[in-house]
Protein backbone atom coordinates (compact mmCIF):
# COMPACT_ATOMS: atom_id res chain seq x y z
CA MET A 1 5.35 -8.91 36.52
CA PRO A 2 7.56 -11.47 38.24
CA PRO A 3 10.94 -10.05 39.60
CA THR A 4 13.88 -10.56 37.16
CA LEU A 5 16.85 -12.45 38.51
CA THR A 6 20.21 -10.49 39.22
CA LYS A 7 22.77 -10.08 36.98
CA SER A 8 24.91 -12.27 39.02
CA ALA A 9 22.37 -15.06 38.83
CA PRO A 10 22.66 -17.81 36.06
CA ARG A 11 20.64 -17.14 33.21
CA GLY A 12 18.66 -19.70 30.93
CA ALA A 13 18.36 -22.15 33.47
CA ARG A 14 17.21 -25.68 31.91
CA THR A 15 17.02 -27.96 34.99
CA VAL A 16 15.29 -27.92 38.36
CA GLU A 17 18.97 -27.60 40.04
CA GLU A 18 19.94 -24.76 37.83
CA LEU A 19 16.64 -22.96 38.75
CA VAL A 20 17.43 -23.62 42.31
CA ASP A 21 20.66 -22.24 42.13
CA ALA A 22 19.68 -19.00 40.52
CA LEU A 23 16.98 -18.48 43.10
CA GLU A 24 19.33 -19.02 45.71
CA GLN A 25 21.63 -16.49 44.55
CA GLU A 26 18.65 -13.93 44.11
CA ILE A 27 17.57 -14.45 47.45
CA GLY A 28 20.97 -14.26 48.92
CA TYR A 29 21.63 -10.92 46.86
CA ARG A 30 18.14 -9.55 48.07
CA HIS A 31 18.74 -10.47 51.71
CA GLN A 32 22.17 -8.60 51.57
CA GLU A 33 20.24 -5.53 50.04
CA ALA A 34 17.98 -5.82 53.01
CA VAL A 35 20.46 -6.25 55.76
CA ALA A 36 22.65 -3.11 54.40
CA ALA A 37 19.33 -0.91 54.10
CA LYS A 38 18.41 -1.81 57.85
CA ALA A 39 22.18 -0.99 59.03
CA ALA A 40 21.83 2.41 57.55
CA THR A 41 18.51 3.15 59.55
CA GLN A 42 20.51 2.09 62.82
CA GLU A 43 23.44 4.48 62.51
CA ASP A 44 24.04 6.65 65.33
CA ARG A 45 21.81 9.57 64.21
CA ARG A 46 22.61 11.76 67.47
CA ALA A 47 26.08 12.59 66.40
CA ARG A 48 24.86 13.78 62.81
CA ILE A 49 23.24 17.11 63.47
CA SER A 50 25.61 20.26 64.06
CA ALA A 51 25.24 21.94 67.54
CA GLU A 52 24.55 25.37 65.45
CA ALA A 53 21.51 23.67 64.09
CA HIS A 54 20.06 22.92 67.23
CA ILE A 55 20.75 26.20 68.48
CA GLU A 56 18.96 28.11 65.82
CA ARG A 57 15.92 25.51 65.86
CA GLN A 58 15.47 26.33 69.71
CA LEU A 59 15.94 30.15 69.02
CA ARG A 60 13.13 29.77 66.15
CA LEU A 61 10.81 27.91 68.71
CA ALA A 62 11.60 30.69 71.25
CA GLY A 63 11.28 33.56 69.13
CA LYS A 64 14.61 34.87 70.52
CA THR A 65 18.16 35.73 69.58
CA ARG A 66 22.00 34.68 70.61
CA ALA A 67 21.66 37.84 72.71
CA ASP A 68 18.76 36.50 74.81
CA VAL A 69 20.99 33.45 75.34
CA ALA A 70 23.74 35.33 76.86
CA THR A 71 21.08 37.38 78.93
CA LEU A 72 19.60 34.23 80.44
CA GLN A 73 23.17 32.82 81.28
CA ARG A 74 24.03 36.04 82.83
CA ALA A 75 20.61 35.81 84.94
CA ILE A 76 21.35 32.45 86.08
CA VAL A 77 24.93 33.14 87.29
CA GLU A 78 24.30 36.61 88.61
CA ARG A 79 20.98 36.31 90.40
CA PRO A 80 20.58 32.70 91.75
CA HIS A 81 18.35 33.75 94.55
CA LEU A 82 15.78 34.95 91.91
CA TYR A 83 15.91 31.82 89.80
CA ASP A 84 16.85 29.10 91.91
CA ARG A 85 15.23 26.41 89.74
CA LEU A 86 17.04 27.48 86.62
CA PRO A 87 20.43 25.94 87.43
CA THR A 88 18.91 22.47 87.92
CA ALA A 89 17.02 22.68 85.16
CA LEU A 90 20.07 23.65 82.77
CA HIS A 91 21.89 20.79 84.12
CA VAL A 92 19.13 18.35 83.31
CA CYS A 93 19.01 19.72 79.87
CA GLU A 94 22.43 19.18 79.37
CA LYS A 95 22.38 15.67 80.59
CA ARG A 96 19.41 14.96 78.04
CA ILE A 97 21.71 16.28 75.33
CA VAL A 98 24.70 14.03 76.24
CA ASN A 99 23.36 10.83 77.51
CA PRO A 100 21.27 9.16 76.22
CA GLY A 101 21.36 11.71 73.62
CA HIS A 102 18.35 11.64 71.81
CA TRP A 103 17.60 15.22 72.26
CA ARG A 104 20.61 15.52 69.62
CA ILE A 105 18.01 14.22 66.97
CA ALA A 106 15.17 16.45 68.62
CA PRO A 107 14.30 17.58 71.84
CA PRO A 108 10.56 17.65 72.64
CA ALA A 109 8.94 19.95 70.52
CA GLU A 110 6.04 20.93 72.75
CA HIS A 111 6.86 23.73 75.41
CA GLU A 112 5.00 21.70 78.40
CA SER A 113 6.62 18.44 77.32
CA LEU A 114 10.06 20.17 77.20
CA LEU A 115 9.54 21.65 80.71
CA SER A 116 8.34 18.51 82.28
CA SER A 117 11.30 16.35 80.96
CA VAL A 118 13.68 18.87 82.64
CA VAL A 119 11.82 19.33 85.89
CA GLU A 120 12.08 15.51 86.56
CA SER A 121 8.76 15.80 88.84
CA ALA A 122 5.28 14.14 88.43
CA ASP A 123 4.03 17.29 90.03
CA PRO A 124 2.35 19.90 87.72
CA ALA A 125 3.13 22.77 90.34
CA ASP A 126 7.22 22.06 89.96
CA VAL A 127 6.93 23.01 86.14
CA GLU A 128 4.74 25.71 86.66
CA LYS A 129 7.33 27.23 88.86
CA LEU A 130 10.09 26.68 86.35
CA ALA A 131 7.84 28.16 83.73
CA ARG A 132 7.17 31.18 85.71
CA GLN A 133 10.98 31.68 86.72
CA LEU A 134 11.73 31.32 82.95
CA MET A 135 9.21 34.09 82.07
CA ASP A 136 10.45 36.30 84.72
CA ALA A 137 13.98 36.18 83.29
CA GLY A 138 12.35 37.05 80.07
CA ALA A 139 12.89 33.43 78.60
CA ASN A 140 11.19 30.11 78.22
CA GLY A 141 12.03 26.30 77.77
CA TYR A 142 13.26 26.73 74.35
CA LEU A 143 15.73 29.46 75.24
CA LEU A 144 17.08 27.17 78.03
CA CYS A 145 17.51 24.41 75.95
CA ALA A 146 19.43 26.69 73.20
CA LEU A 147 21.87 27.49 76.06
CA ALA A 148 22.35 24.07 77.23
CA PHE A 149 23.18 23.17 73.48
CA GLN A 150 25.44 26.03 73.48
CA ARG A 151 27.27 24.94 76.57
CA VAL A 152 27.63 21.19 75.60
CA ALA A 153 28.96 21.79 72.06
CA ALA A 154 31.70 24.20 73.91
CA ARG A 155 32.89 21.33 75.89
CA ALA A 156 32.18 18.39 73.78
CA PRO A 157 32.03 19.29 70.12
CA GLU A 158 32.53 15.79 69.16
CA LEU A 159 29.00 14.78 70.08
CA PHE A 160 27.67 16.82 67.07
CA GLY A 161 27.95 16.60 63.42
CA ALA A 162 27.84 18.86 60.33
CA MET A 163 24.26 18.30 59.05
CA THR A 164 21.13 20.57 59.63
CA ALA A 165 18.06 18.80 60.86
CA GLU A 166 16.43 18.74 57.56
CA GLU A 167 19.28 16.89 55.98
CA GLU A 168 19.43 14.47 58.74
CA ALA A 169 15.79 13.60 58.30
CA GLU A 170 16.11 13.11 54.70
CA ARG A 171 18.60 10.69 55.36
CA ALA A 172 16.71 8.85 57.87
CA ASN A 173 13.91 9.06 55.46
CA GLY A 174 15.99 7.71 52.71
CA ALA A 175 17.41 4.75 54.56
CA SER A 176 13.72 3.79 55.91
CA ALA A 177 12.79 3.95 52.13
CA ARG A 178 15.53 1.17 51.26
CA VAL A 179 14.43 -0.94 54.11
CA ARG A 180 10.78 -0.92 52.70
CA ALA A 181 11.96 -1.61 49.06
CA ALA A 182 14.42 -4.34 50.10
CA GLU A 183 11.48 -6.06 52.14
CA GLN A 184 9.29 -5.72 49.13
CA GLN A 185 11.60 -7.35 46.86
CA LEU A 186 12.03 -10.03 49.22
CA GLY A 187 8.14 -10.56 49.55
CA ALA A 188 8.17 -10.69 45.78
CA VAL A 189 10.61 -13.60 45.53
CA ARG A 190 8.77 -15.36 48.31
CA GLU A 191 5.68 -15.24 46.34
CA ARG A 192 7.44 -16.56 43.30
CA LEU A 193 9.25 -19.45 45.31
CA LEU A 194 5.50 -20.16 46.64
CA GLY A 195 4.26 -20.30 43.23
CA LEU A 196 6.93 -22.40 41.94
CA ALA A 197 6.51 -24.93 44.86
CA ALA A 198 2.78 -25.26 44.15
CA ARG A 199 3.89 -25.95 40.52
CA LEU A 200 6.26 -28.71 41.78
CA ALA A 201 3.86 -30.33 44.00
CA ALA A 202 1.42 -30.82 41.07
CA LEU A 203 4.07 -32.20 39.02
CA THR A 204 5.26 -34.45 41.63
CA ARG A 205 1.72 -35.73 42.21
CA LYS A 206 1.30 -36.55 38.56
CA LEU A 207 4.48 -38.85 38.87
CA VAL A 208 3.02 -41.01 41.79
């Protein structure tokens, strides 16, 4: 079934000019819908999820508790000679969270990828050394990430929002669905125009 004209478009067009005017209005309306939908997908997703949601997610992945976060922080501060790689890794974690900030949407879910991204080294041995020190401290990369989120949130709470990760994902998916729907509507109007153009061309040939 061909798409109906919008409420704002003229109805009952009796001339070619009226039909063109109606189609112009419909295309303009559909285009505005598409632009608005795409703008919704380009909102800064980094500032929508709460720091608490990020911390809880990392703790679930780590299989740890808030008490373990405090224990890790004490180990980094009180025993730097044993865990010399952890302060640098924690600092890099915090940088990833702040800028460019994509970790405020979601840090790497795979543990090895998470460690590799905070080591900033192409040498697998460096990743292994960090993993070993974390293990010796009774921690892992996820717990380190939870500590990083906690520290960043304490000094820059404005970087975070109030949503859970699930709420943010639902909002982002809804915006993407709007884009797809708007593009489908524009495609339907385009097909309709092509059909009308073919009919007009046929009528024009009859006038020659």
